[in-house]
C-alpha atoms as a PDB file:
ATOM      1  CA  UNK A   1      -0.044   0.118  -0.063  1.00  0.00           C
ATOM      2  CA  UNK A   2       1.505   3.244  -0.924  1.00  0.00           C
ATOM      3  CA  UNK A   3       1.866   5.675   2.102  1.00  0.00           C
ATOM      4  CA  UNK A   4       0.769   9.156   2.226  1.00  0.00           C
ATOM      5  CA  UNK A   5       2.549  12.313   3.121  1.00  0.00           C
ATOM      6  CA  UNK A   6       0.750  14.677   6.031  1.00  0.00           C
ATOM      7  CA  UNK A   7       2.387  18.012   7.010  1.00  0.00           C
ATOM      8  CA  UNK A   8       2.142  18.917  10.321  1.00  0.00           C
ATOM      9  CA  UNK A   9       0.382  22.020  10.071  1.00  0.00           C
ATOM     10  CA  UNK A  10       1.059  25.353  11.571  1.00  0.00           C
ATOM     11  CA  UNK A  11       3.491  24.776  14.818  1.00  0.00           C
ATOM     12  CA  UNK A  12       2.076  27.430  17.043  1.00  0.00           C
ATOM     13  CA  UNK A  13      -1.737  26.324  15.930  1.00  0.00           C
ATOM     14  CA  UNK A  14      -3.564  22.873  16.470  1.00  0.00           C
ATOM     15  CA  UNK A  15      -2.353  21.531  13.271  1.00  0.00           C
ATOM     16  CA  UNK A  16      -0.033  19.252  15.107  1.00  0.00           C
ATOM     17  CA  UNK A  17      -2.636  17.714  17.472  1.00  0.00           C
ATOM     18  CA  UNK A  18      -5.186  17.158  14.852  1.00  0.00           C
ATOM     19  CA  UNK A  19      -2.455  15.402  12.703  1.00  0.00           C
ATOM     20  CA  UNK A  20      -1.479  13.008  15.598  1.00  0.00           C
ATOM     21  CA  UNK A  21      -5.085  12.449  15.948  1.00  0.00           C
ATOM     22  CA  UNK A  22      -5.727  11.755  12.325  1.00  0.00           C
ATOM     23  CA  UNK A  23      -2.574   9.095  12.347  1.00  0.00           C
ATOM     24  CA  UNK A  24      -3.533   7.601  15.810  1.00  0.00           C
ATOM     25  CA  UNK A  25      -7.408   6.960  14.156  1.00  0.00           C
ATOM     26  CA  UNK A  26      -7.792   2.970  14.013  1.00  0.00           C
ATOM     27  CA  UNK A  27      -9.836   3.127  10.855  1.00  0.00           C
ATOM     28  CA  UNK A  28      -6.679   4.389   9.165  1.00  0.00           C
ATOM     29  CA  UNK A  29      -5.649   1.837   6.728  1.00  0.00           C
ATOM     30  CA  UNK A  30      -3.042   3.482   5.095  1.00  0.00           C
ATOM     31  CA  UNK A  31       0.794   4.271   5.914  1.00  0.00           C
ATOM     32  CA  UNK A  32       1.402   8.025   7.071  1.00  0.00           C
ATOM     33  CA  UNK A  33       4.342   9.901   6.568  1.00  0.00           C
ATOM     34  CA  UNK A  34       4.336  12.946   8.699  1.00  0.00           C
ATOM     35  CA  UNK A  35       6.358  15.949   7.611  1.00  0.00           C
ATOM     36  CA  UNK A  36       7.179  18.434  10.313  1.00  0.00           C
ATOM     37  CA  UNK A  37       9.601  19.004  13.378  1.00  0.00           C
ATOM     38  CA  UNK A  38       9.804  16.005  15.806  1.00  0.00           C
ATOM     39  CA  UNK A  39      10.081  18.149  18.782  1.00  0.00           C
ATOM     40  CA  UNK A  40       6.612  20.207  18.187  1.00  0.00           C
ATOM     41  CA  UNK A  41       5.007  16.564  17.217  1.00  0.00           C
ATOM     42  CA  UNK A  42       6.502  15.008  20.459  1.00  0.00           C
ATOM     43  CA  UNK A  43       4.716  18.280  22.818  1.00  0.00           C
ATOM     44  CA  UNK A  44       1.681  17.517  20.496  1.00  0.00           C
ATOM     45  CA  UNK A  45       1.897  14.026  21.759  1.00  0.00           C
ATOM     46  CA  UNK A  46       1.910  14.945  25.326  1.00  0.00           C
ATOM     47  CA  UNK A  47      -1.315  17.159  24.875  1.00  0.00           C
ATOM     48  CA  UNK A  48      -3.221  14.590  23.028  1.00  0.00           C
ATOM     49  CA  UNK A  49      -1.815  11.568  24.769  1.00  0.00           C
ATOM     50  CA  UNK A  50      -1.865   9.409  21.562  1.00  0.00           C
ATOM     51  CA  UNK A  51       1.160   7.755  22.282  1.00  0.00           C
ATOM     52  CA  UNK A  52       2.805   7.939  18.809  1.00  0.00           C
END
């Protein structure tokens, strides 16, 4: 299956949180590559609790 690329959005907005929640959705059936800052995504993960 071909992965899709997804940008994390504005690092100062809600984009990183929404991106992580979309990736954690159990209905997702395609691999996702997130393009963005790993530190911003890690901080967003602490807010959302997605464990990604």
